[in-house]
Amino acid sequence: MPEGVLTRALLSRVDGYHGEEMNWKHIVFGVAGFAFGFWACMPREAMLQPRWEVLVINDVGNGLAGARVHELRQDYITHRAGGTSEQTADSYGRAAFPAVRVRSSPLLRVIACGRQIASQGAHASCGYHHDVTADVDGYTEAARTVSDLPIKSRGKLLTVTLRPQR
């Protein structure tokens, strides 16, 4: 590269836009960028699943005592909130599973989801998956309904209706 071209390129940066002093826009965007970065990196508690109360009833509406209720849960982002639980229904056919919470930063969740999308494509599982099943010998599932518990923040009520096998 000729010497004159390099000298002009270096001097143009000093004399041009890059040589100006910082103005208020630089300060505002710098502070905003720092605040956003701080927010994105700070771990916080997120509720992945509310409390679930399960009611297992027969087709007449009576509770099925002794029903085995299985819960399968998996968080494909943090891999810390997965697992299974099993409860036995009480004499009224009720079982309960506690809420699931996890501590992670939003940035960690975005990076982990991006890695899964890059490796598995657009149909990658980037969220929390949850499934509840109820088993009673001699019965098969006929219907299930999900509703909120009376106090909204308490969780969800899953009613599983079983009918006798034929």
N, C-alpha and C. Protein backbone atom coordinates (compact mmCIF):
# COMPACT_ATOMS: atom_id res chain seq x y z
N MET A 1 0.85 -1.17 0.00
CA MET A 1 0.00 0.00 0.00
C MET A 1 0.90 1.24 0.00
N PRO A 2 0.66 2.19 -0.88
CA PRO A 2 1.48 3.41 -0.90
C PRO A 2 1.38 4.19 0.41
N GLU A 3 2.45 4.88 0.76
CA GLU A 3 2.52 5.58 2.04
C GLU A 3 1.47 6.69 2.15
N GLY A 4 1.18 7.39 1.09
CA GLY A 4 0.21 8.49 1.12
C GLY A 4 -1.21 8.02 1.41
N VAL A 5 -1.58 6.83 0.91
CA VAL A 5 -2.93 6.31 1.13
C VAL A 5 -3.13 5.97 2.61
N LEU A 6 -2.15 5.34 3.22
CA LEU A 6 -2.24 4.97 4.63
C LEU A 6 -2.30 6.22 5.50
N THR A 7 -1.51 7.21 5.20
CA THR A 7 -1.52 8.45 5.98
C THR A 7 -2.87 9.15 5.87
N ARG A 8 -3.43 9.21 4.66
CA ARG A 8 -4.74 9.83 4.50
C ARG A 8 -5.83 9.05 5.24
N ALA A 9 -5.76 7.71 5.25
CA ALA A 9 -6.76 6.90 5.96
C ALA A 9 -6.69 7.13 7.45
N LEU A 10 -5.48 7.23 8.00
CA LEU A 10 -5.34 7.47 9.43
C LEU A 10 -5.80 8.87 9.81
N LEU A 11 -5.44 9.86 9.00
CA LEU A 11 -5.83 11.24 9.30
C LEU A 11 -7.32 11.46 9.13
N SER A 12 -7.96 10.75 8.21
CA SER A 12 -9.40 10.93 8.02
C SER A 12 -10.18 10.48 9.25
N ARG A 13 -9.69 9.51 9.96
CA ARG A 13 -10.37 9.07 11.19
C ARG A 13 -10.21 10.12 12.28
N VAL A 14 -9.07 10.76 12.35
CA VAL A 14 -8.84 11.77 13.38
C VAL A 14 -9.65 13.02 13.08
N ASP A 15 -9.68 13.45 11.84
CA ASP A 15 -10.37 14.69 11.47
C ASP A 15 -11.87 14.52 11.28
N GLY A 16 -12.32 13.31 11.01
CA GLY A 16 -13.72 13.10 10.66
C GLY A 16 -14.60 12.82 11.86
N TYR A 17 -15.62 11.98 11.65
CA TYR A 17 -16.63 11.67 12.66
C TYR A 17 -16.03 11.07 13.92
N HIS A 18 -15.04 10.21 13.76
CA HIS A 18 -14.50 9.49 14.92
C HIS A 18 -13.67 10.38 15.82
N GLY A 19 -13.32 11.59 15.40
CA GLY A 19 -12.52 12.47 16.22
C GLY A 19 -13.36 13.40 17.09
N GLU A 20 -14.68 13.44 16.91
CA GLU A 20 -15.53 14.32 17.69
C GLU A 20 -15.62 13.84 19.13
N GLU A 21 -15.95 14.78 20.00
CA GLU A 21 -16.14 14.41 21.41
C GLU A 21 -17.48 13.71 21.58
N MET A 22 -17.61 12.99 22.68
CA MET A 22 -18.89 12.31 22.96
C MET A 22 -19.95 13.36 23.25
N ASN A 23 -21.12 13.16 22.71
CA ASN A 23 -22.23 14.05 23.02
C ASN A 23 -23.24 13.29 23.88
N TRP A 24 -24.38 13.89 24.16
CA TRP A 24 -25.37 13.31 25.06
C TRP A 24 -25.94 12.00 24.52
N LYS A 25 -26.00 11.82 23.20
CA LYS A 25 -26.54 10.58 22.62
C LYS A 25 -25.65 9.39 22.97
N HIS A 26 -24.34 9.59 22.91
CA HIS A 26 -23.42 8.51 23.25
C HIS A 26 -23.59 8.10 24.70
N ILE A 27 -23.75 9.08 25.56
CA ILE A 27 -23.90 8.79 27.00
C ILE A 27 -25.22 8.06 27.25
N VAL A 28 -26.32 8.54 26.66
CA VAL A 28 -27.63 7.90 26.87
C VAL A 28 -27.61 6.45 26.37
N PHE A 29 -27.09 6.23 25.16
CA PHE A 29 -27.06 4.87 24.62
C PHE A 29 -26.09 3.98 25.39
N GLY A 30 -25.01 4.55 25.88
CA GLY A 30 -24.07 3.77 26.69
C GLY A 30 -24.69 3.32 28.00
N VAL A 31 -25.38 4.22 28.68
CA VAL A 31 -26.04 3.88 29.94
C VAL A 31 -27.17 2.89 29.69
N ALA A 32 -27.95 3.11 28.63
CA ALA A 32 -29.05 2.19 28.31
C ALA A 32 -28.51 0.80 27.95
N GLY A 33 -27.41 0.75 27.20
CA GLY A 33 -26.81 -0.54 26.86
C GLY A 33 -26.28 -1.26 28.09
N PHE A 34 -25.67 -0.51 28.99
CA PHE A 34 -25.20 -1.13 30.23
C PHE A 34 -26.37 -1.66 31.06
N ALA A 35 -27.44 -0.87 31.18
CA ALA A 35 -28.62 -1.31 31.96
C ALA A 35 -29.25 -2.55 31.35
N PHE A 36 -29.37 -2.58 30.02
CA PHE A 36 -29.95 -3.76 29.37
C PHE A 36 -29.05 -4.98 29.56
N GLY A 37 -27.75 -4.82 29.40
CA GLY A 37 -26.83 -5.94 29.62
C GLY A 37 -26.88 -6.45 31.04
N PHE A 38 -26.97 -5.53 32.00
CA PHE A 38 -27.07 -5.94 33.40
C PHE A 38 -28.36 -6.72 33.64
N TRP A 39 -29.48 -6.21 33.08
CA TRP A 39 -30.77 -6.89 33.23
C TRP A 39 -30.73 -8.29 32.60
N ALA A 40 -30.12 -8.40 31.41
CA ALA A 40 -30.12 -9.67 30.69
C ALA A 40 -29.25 -10.72 31.37
N CYS A 41 -28.23 -10.29 32.09
CA CYS A 41 -27.31 -11.25 32.71
C CYS A 41 -27.68 -11.63 34.14
N MET A 42 -28.54 -10.87 34.77
CA MET A 42 -28.89 -11.16 36.17
C MET A 42 -29.86 -12.33 36.24
N PRO A 43 -29.50 -13.38 36.98
CA PRO A 43 -30.44 -14.50 37.11
C PRO A 43 -31.66 -14.08 37.94
N ARG A 44 -32.79 -14.60 37.55
CA ARG A 44 -34.01 -14.33 38.29
C ARG A 44 -34.86 -15.59 38.32
N GLU A 45 -35.76 -15.61 39.26
CA GLU A 45 -36.63 -16.78 39.41
C GLU A 45 -37.79 -16.68 38.44
N ALA A 46 -38.01 -17.74 37.70
CA ALA A 46 -39.12 -17.80 36.75
C ALA A 46 -39.97 -19.01 37.09
N MET A 47 -41.28 -18.84 37.07
CA MET A 47 -42.17 -19.97 37.31
C MET A 47 -42.42 -20.68 35.99
N LEU A 48 -42.00 -21.93 35.92
CA LEU A 48 -42.19 -22.70 34.70
C LEU A 48 -43.55 -23.38 34.68
N GLN A 49 -44.02 -23.76 35.85
CA GLN A 49 -45.30 -24.47 35.94
C GLN A 49 -45.97 -24.09 37.24
N PRO A 50 -47.25 -23.74 37.20
CA PRO A 50 -47.95 -23.44 38.45
C PRO A 50 -48.26 -24.74 39.20
N ARG A 51 -48.78 -24.60 40.38
CA ARG A 51 -49.22 -25.76 41.16
C ARG A 51 -50.36 -26.44 40.40
N TRP A 52 -50.29 -27.77 40.31
CA TRP A 52 -51.35 -28.54 39.66
C TRP A 52 -52.05 -29.39 40.70
N GLU A 53 -53.37 -29.29 40.73
CA GLU A 53 -54.19 -30.20 41.53
C GLU A 53 -54.96 -31.06 40.55
N VAL A 54 -54.89 -32.36 40.75
CA VAL A 54 -55.50 -33.31 39.83
C VAL A 54 -56.65 -34.00 40.55
N LEU A 55 -57.80 -34.05 39.89
CA LEU A 55 -58.97 -34.75 40.41
C LEU A 55 -59.29 -35.89 39.45
N VAL A 56 -59.23 -37.13 39.95
CA VAL A 56 -59.50 -38.31 39.13
C VAL A 56 -60.88 -38.82 39.51
N ILE A 57 -61.79 -38.80 38.52
CA ILE A 57 -63.17 -39.23 38.78
C ILE A 57 -63.59 -40.28 37.76
N ASN A 58 -64.64 -41.02 38.10
CA ASN A 58 -65.20 -41.96 37.12
C ASN A 58 -66.28 -41.25 36.32
N ASP A 59 -66.90 -41.99 35.39
CA ASP A 59 -67.89 -41.35 34.50
C ASP A 59 -69.15 -40.90 35.23
N VAL A 60 -69.36 -41.34 36.45
CA VAL A 60 -70.51 -40.92 37.25
C VAL A 60 -70.18 -39.64 38.04
N GLY A 61 -68.88 -39.38 38.26
CA GLY A 61 -68.47 -38.19 38.99
C GLY A 61 -67.90 -38.48 40.37
N ASN A 62 -67.77 -39.76 40.73
CA ASN A 62 -67.20 -40.12 42.02
C ASN A 62 -65.68 -40.19 41.92
N GLY A 63 -64.98 -39.74 42.97
CA GLY A 63 -63.53 -39.78 42.99
C GLY A 63 -63.03 -41.22 43.05
N LEU A 64 -61.93 -41.49 42.35
CA LEU A 64 -61.33 -42.83 42.33
C LEU A 64 -60.15 -42.84 43.30
N ALA A 65 -60.36 -43.44 44.44
CA ALA A 65 -59.32 -43.52 45.46
C ALA A 65 -58.22 -44.47 44.99
N GLY A 66 -56.98 -44.13 45.29
CA GLY A 66 -55.85 -44.99 44.96
C GLY A 66 -55.38 -44.87 43.52
N ALA A 67 -55.87 -43.91 42.77
CA ALA A 67 -55.41 -43.73 41.38
C ALA A 67 -53.95 -43.29 41.40
N ARG A 68 -53.16 -43.83 40.48
CA ARG A 68 -51.75 -43.44 40.35
C ARG A 68 -51.67 -42.29 39.35
N VAL A 69 -51.20 -41.16 39.81
CA VAL A 69 -51.10 -39.97 38.96
C VAL A 69 -49.62 -39.69 38.72
N HIS A 70 -49.23 -39.66 37.44
CA HIS A 70 -47.83 -39.45 37.06
C HIS A 70 -47.69 -38.07 36.43
N GLU A 71 -46.62 -37.41 36.77
CA GLU A 71 -46.31 -36.11 36.17
C GLU A 71 -44.93 -36.21 35.52
N LEU A 72 -44.85 -35.81 34.26
CA LEU A 72 -43.58 -35.77 33.53
C LEU A 72 -43.33 -34.31 33.16
N ARG A 73 -42.15 -33.80 33.52
CA ARG A 73 -41.82 -32.41 33.22
C ARG A 73 -40.39 -32.32 32.71
N GLN A 74 -40.18 -31.41 31.76
CA GLN A 74 -38.84 -31.22 31.19
C GLN A 74 -38.71 -29.78 30.72
N ASP A 75 -37.65 -29.11 31.16
CA ASP A 75 -37.31 -27.78 30.67
C ASP A 75 -36.13 -27.96 29.73
N TYR A 76 -36.36 -27.75 28.45
CA TYR A 76 -35.33 -28.00 27.45
C TYR A 76 -34.28 -26.89 27.38
N ILE A 77 -34.44 -25.84 28.16
CA ILE A 77 -33.45 -24.77 28.16
C ILE A 77 -32.43 -24.98 29.26
N THR A 78 -32.86 -25.08 30.49
CA THR A 78 -31.91 -25.15 31.60
C THR A 78 -31.51 -26.57 31.97
N HIS A 79 -32.29 -27.55 31.63
CA HIS A 79 -32.05 -28.97 31.95
C HIS A 79 -31.93 -29.22 33.45
N ARG A 80 -32.45 -28.30 34.25
CA ARG A 80 -32.39 -28.50 35.69
C ARG A 80 -33.78 -28.77 36.28
N ALA A 81 -34.81 -28.56 35.51
CA ALA A 81 -36.16 -28.67 36.05
C ALA A 81 -36.90 -29.88 35.50
N GLY A 82 -36.20 -30.87 35.03
CA GLY A 82 -36.86 -32.04 34.47
C GLY A 82 -37.03 -33.12 35.52
N GLY A 83 -37.88 -34.07 35.20
CA GLY A 83 -38.06 -35.20 36.10
C GLY A 83 -39.47 -35.73 36.05
N THR A 84 -39.70 -36.70 36.90
CA THR A 84 -41.03 -37.29 37.02
C THR A 84 -41.42 -37.32 38.48
N SER A 85 -42.71 -37.32 38.71
CA SER A 85 -43.27 -37.45 40.05
C SER A 85 -44.46 -38.38 39.98
N GLU A 86 -44.70 -39.07 41.06
CA GLU A 86 -45.88 -39.93 41.13
C GLU A 86 -46.58 -39.69 42.45
N GLN A 87 -47.89 -39.52 42.37
CA GLN A 87 -48.72 -39.35 43.56
C GLN A 87 -49.83 -40.40 43.52
N THR A 88 -50.27 -40.79 44.68
CA THR A 88 -51.43 -41.67 44.78
C THR A 88 -52.60 -40.82 45.26
N ALA A 89 -53.70 -40.91 44.55
CA ALA A 89 -54.87 -40.09 44.88
C ALA A 89 -55.44 -40.50 46.23
N ASP A 90 -55.95 -39.50 46.95
CA ASP A 90 -56.55 -39.78 48.26
C ASP A 90 -57.94 -40.39 48.07
N SER A 91 -58.69 -40.50 49.15
CA SER A 91 -60.00 -41.16 49.10
C SER A 91 -61.01 -40.39 48.24
N TYR A 92 -60.75 -39.13 47.95
CA TYR A 92 -61.63 -38.33 47.10
C TYR A 92 -61.14 -38.27 45.65
N GLY A 93 -60.03 -38.93 45.35
CA GLY A 93 -59.48 -38.94 44.00
C GLY A 93 -58.61 -37.73 43.69
N ARG A 94 -58.05 -37.08 44.72
CA ARG A 94 -57.25 -35.86 44.52
C ARG A 94 -55.76 -36.15 44.70
N ALA A 95 -54.97 -35.48 43.88
CA ALA A 95 -53.51 -35.49 44.00
C ALA A 95 -53.02 -34.09 43.65
N ALA A 96 -51.85 -33.71 44.16
CA ALA A 96 -51.34 -32.36 43.91
C ALA A 96 -49.84 -32.42 43.60
N PHE A 97 -49.41 -31.52 42.72
CA PHE A 97 -48.00 -31.39 42.37
C PHE A 97 -47.59 -29.93 42.59
N PRO A 98 -46.46 -29.69 43.22
CA PRO A 98 -46.06 -28.31 43.54
C PRO A 98 -45.65 -27.53 42.29
N ALA A 99 -45.60 -26.23 42.44
CA ALA A 99 -45.14 -25.35 41.36
C ALA A 99 -43.66 -25.61 41.09
N VAL A 100 -43.24 -25.38 39.86
CA VAL A 100 -41.85 -25.57 39.46
C VAL A 100 -41.26 -24.20 39.13
N ARG A 101 -40.20 -23.86 39.84
CA ARG A 101 -39.51 -22.59 39.60
C ARG A 101 -38.05 -22.89 39.28
N VAL A 102 -37.42 -21.99 38.52
CA VAL A 102 -36.02 -22.15 38.17
C VAL A 102 -35.37 -20.77 38.17
N ARG A 103 -34.10 -20.71 38.55
CA ARG A 103 -33.34 -19.45 38.50
C ARG A 103 -32.39 -19.49 37.32
N SER A 104 -32.59 -18.57 36.39
CA SER A 104 -31.67 -18.45 35.26
C SER A 104 -31.82 -17.05 34.69
N SER A 105 -30.81 -16.64 33.94
CA SER A 105 -30.86 -15.30 33.34
C SER A 105 -31.56 -15.38 31.98
N PRO A 106 -32.21 -14.30 31.58
CA PRO A 106 -32.83 -14.29 30.25
C PRO A 106 -31.80 -14.53 29.13
N LEU A 107 -30.61 -13.99 29.30
CA LEU A 107 -29.57 -14.17 28.29
C LEU A 107 -29.20 -15.64 28.14
N LEU A 108 -29.08 -16.36 29.27
CA LEU A 108 -28.77 -17.80 29.22
C LEU A 108 -29.86 -18.56 28.49
N ARG A 109 -31.12 -18.22 28.74
CA ARG A 109 -32.22 -18.91 28.08
C ARG A 109 -32.24 -18.63 26.58
N VAL A 110 -31.95 -17.39 26.18
CA VAL A 110 -31.92 -17.05 24.76
C VAL A 110 -30.76 -17.76 24.06
N ILE A 111 -29.59 -17.78 24.68
CA ILE A 111 -28.44 -18.46 24.08
C ILE A 111 -28.69 -19.95 23.96
N ALA A 112 -29.23 -20.58 24.99
CA ALA A 112 -29.51 -22.02 24.95
C ALA A 112 -30.55 -22.35 23.88
N CYS A 113 -31.58 -21.51 23.76
CA CYS A 113 -32.60 -21.75 22.74
C CYS A 113 -32.01 -21.58 21.35
N GLY A 114 -31.17 -20.57 21.18
CA GLY A 114 -30.52 -20.37 19.88
C GLY A 114 -29.63 -21.54 19.50
N ARG A 115 -28.93 -22.11 20.46
CA ARG A 115 -28.09 -23.28 20.18
C ARG A 115 -28.95 -24.47 19.76
N GLN A 116 -30.10 -24.66 20.42
CA GLN A 116 -30.97 -25.77 20.04
C GLN A 116 -31.56 -25.56 18.66
N ILE A 117 -31.95 -24.34 18.34
CA ILE A 117 -32.49 -24.07 17.01
C ILE A 117 -31.41 -24.29 15.95
N ALA A 118 -30.17 -23.88 16.24
CA ALA A 118 -29.08 -24.07 15.29
C ALA A 118 -28.78 -25.54 15.05
N SER A 119 -28.90 -26.37 16.09
CA SER A 119 -28.57 -27.78 15.92
C SER A 119 -29.75 -28.64 15.45
N GLN A 120 -30.99 -28.25 15.81
CA GLN A 120 -32.14 -29.09 15.50
C GLN A 120 -33.10 -28.49 14.49
N GLY A 121 -32.91 -27.24 14.15
CA GLY A 121 -33.80 -26.61 13.18
C GLY A 121 -34.94 -25.85 13.85
N ALA A 122 -35.87 -25.42 13.03
CA ALA A 122 -36.96 -24.56 13.50
C ALA A 122 -37.91 -25.25 14.47
N HIS A 123 -37.94 -26.56 14.50
CA HIS A 123 -38.87 -27.28 15.36
C HIS A 123 -38.24 -27.72 16.68
N ALA A 124 -37.17 -27.07 17.09
CA ALA A 124 -36.50 -27.41 18.34
C ALA A 124 -37.40 -27.07 19.53
N SER A 125 -37.29 -27.84 20.57
CA SER A 125 -38.06 -27.59 21.80
C SER A 125 -37.29 -26.59 22.65
N CYS A 126 -37.81 -25.40 22.75
CA CYS A 126 -37.12 -24.35 23.50
C CYS A 126 -37.83 -24.00 24.79
N GLY A 127 -38.82 -24.69 25.17
CA GLY A 127 -39.58 -24.29 26.35
C GLY A 127 -39.72 -25.41 27.36
N TYR A 128 -40.74 -25.26 28.15
CA TYR A 128 -41.03 -26.19 29.24
C TYR A 128 -42.19 -27.07 28.80
N HIS A 129 -42.05 -28.37 28.97
CA HIS A 129 -43.09 -29.32 28.60
C HIS A 129 -43.54 -30.07 29.84
N HIS A 130 -44.85 -30.33 29.90
CA HIS A 130 -45.44 -30.91 31.10
C HIS A 130 -46.58 -31.84 30.68
N ASP A 131 -46.66 -32.99 31.33
CA ASP A 131 -47.73 -33.94 31.02
C ASP A 131 -48.14 -34.66 32.30
N VAL A 132 -49.44 -34.85 32.49
CA VAL A 132 -49.97 -35.57 33.64
C VAL A 132 -50.85 -36.70 33.13
N THR A 133 -50.65 -37.90 33.67
CA THR A 133 -51.49 -39.05 33.32
C THR A 133 -52.00 -39.70 34.60
N ALA A 134 -53.13 -40.33 34.51
CA ALA A 134 -53.72 -41.04 35.65
C ALA A 134 -53.99 -42.48 35.25
N ASP A 135 -53.63 -43.42 36.12
CA ASP A 135 -53.82 -44.85 35.86
C ASP A 135 -54.60 -45.49 36.99
N VAL A 136 -55.63 -46.21 36.62
CA VAL A 136 -56.38 -47.05 37.55
C VAL A 136 -56.65 -48.35 36.83
N ASP A 137 -56.36 -49.47 37.47
CA ASP A 137 -56.59 -50.77 36.83
C ASP A 137 -58.06 -50.92 36.48
N GLY A 138 -58.31 -51.33 35.24
CA GLY A 138 -59.68 -51.56 34.77
C GLY A 138 -60.36 -50.31 34.22
N TYR A 139 -59.65 -49.19 34.15
CA TYR A 139 -60.24 -47.94 33.64
C TYR A 139 -59.36 -47.40 32.52
N THR A 140 -59.99 -46.62 31.64
CA THR A 140 -59.29 -45.92 30.57
C THR A 140 -59.75 -44.47 30.56
N GLU A 141 -58.90 -43.57 30.08
CA GLU A 141 -59.24 -42.15 30.12
C GLU A 141 -60.33 -41.82 29.11
N ALA A 142 -61.35 -41.08 29.57
CA ALA A 142 -62.45 -40.68 28.71
C ALA A 142 -62.37 -39.20 28.35
N ALA A 143 -61.98 -38.37 29.31
CA ALA A 143 -61.93 -36.92 29.06
C ALA A 143 -61.01 -36.27 30.08
N ARG A 144 -60.56 -35.07 29.75
CA ARG A 144 -59.79 -34.27 30.71
C ARG A 144 -60.11 -32.80 30.47
N THR A 145 -60.22 -32.06 31.56
CA THR A 145 -60.46 -30.63 31.48
C THR A 145 -59.47 -29.92 32.39
N VAL A 146 -59.07 -28.73 31.98
CA VAL A 146 -58.15 -27.91 32.76
C VAL A 146 -58.84 -26.59 33.06
N SER A 147 -58.78 -26.17 34.31
CA SER A 147 -59.36 -24.89 34.71
C SER A 147 -58.46 -24.27 35.78
N ASP A 148 -58.68 -22.99 36.02
CA ASP A 148 -57.93 -22.31 37.07
C ASP A 148 -58.52 -22.68 38.42
N LEU A 149 -57.66 -22.72 39.43
CA LEU A 149 -58.14 -22.91 40.79
C LEU A 149 -58.86 -21.64 41.23
N PRO A 150 -59.71 -21.72 42.25
CA PRO A 150 -60.52 -20.56 42.64
C PRO A 150 -59.71 -19.29 42.89
N ILE A 151 -58.57 -19.41 43.54
CA ILE A 151 -57.69 -18.25 43.71
C ILE A 151 -56.71 -18.31 42.56
N LYS A 152 -56.76 -17.32 41.66
CA LYS A 152 -56.04 -17.37 40.38
C LYS A 152 -54.56 -17.70 40.51
N SER A 153 -53.89 -17.17 41.49
CA SER A 153 -52.45 -17.38 41.58
C SER A 153 -52.08 -18.75 42.17
N ARG A 154 -53.07 -19.52 42.61
CA ARG A 154 -52.76 -20.80 43.24
C ARG A 154 -52.37 -21.87 42.25
N GLY A 155 -52.88 -21.83 41.04
CA GLY A 155 -52.50 -22.85 40.07
C GLY A 155 -53.64 -23.31 39.19
N LYS A 156 -53.54 -24.56 38.74
CA LYS A 156 -54.49 -25.14 37.80
C LYS A 156 -55.12 -26.39 38.39
N LEU A 157 -56.35 -26.65 37.96
CA LEU A 157 -57.06 -27.87 38.33
C LEU A 157 -57.25 -28.71 37.08
N LEU A 158 -56.75 -29.93 37.11
CA LEU A 158 -56.91 -30.88 36.01
C LEU A 158 -57.90 -31.94 36.47
N THR A 159 -59.00 -32.08 35.77
CA THR A 159 -59.98 -33.12 36.07
C THR A 159 -59.86 -34.19 35.00
N VAL A 160 -59.51 -35.41 35.45
CA VAL A 160 -59.37 -36.54 34.53
C VAL A 160 -60.54 -37.48 34.79
N THR A 161 -61.33 -37.71 33.75
CA THR A 161 -62.48 -38.61 33.85
C THR A 161 -62.09 -39.95 33.25
N LEU A 162 -62.26 -41.02 34.03
CA LEU A 162 -61.94 -42.37 33.57
C LEU A 162 -63.23 -43.17 33.45
N ARG A 163 -63.28 -44.06 32.48
CA ARG A 163 -64.44 -44.94 32.33
C ARG A 163 -63.97 -46.39 32.38
N PRO A 164 -64.82 -47.30 32.79
CA PRO A 164 -64.40 -48.72 32.83
C PRO A 164 -64.06 -49.23 31.45
N GLN A 165 -63.03 -50.08 31.40
CA GLN A 165 -62.66 -50.68 30.13
C GLN A 165 -63.71 -51.72 29.75
N ARG A 166 -63.89 -51.90 28.46
CA ARG A 166 -64.88 -52.88 28.01
C ARG A 166 -64.20 -53.97 27.25
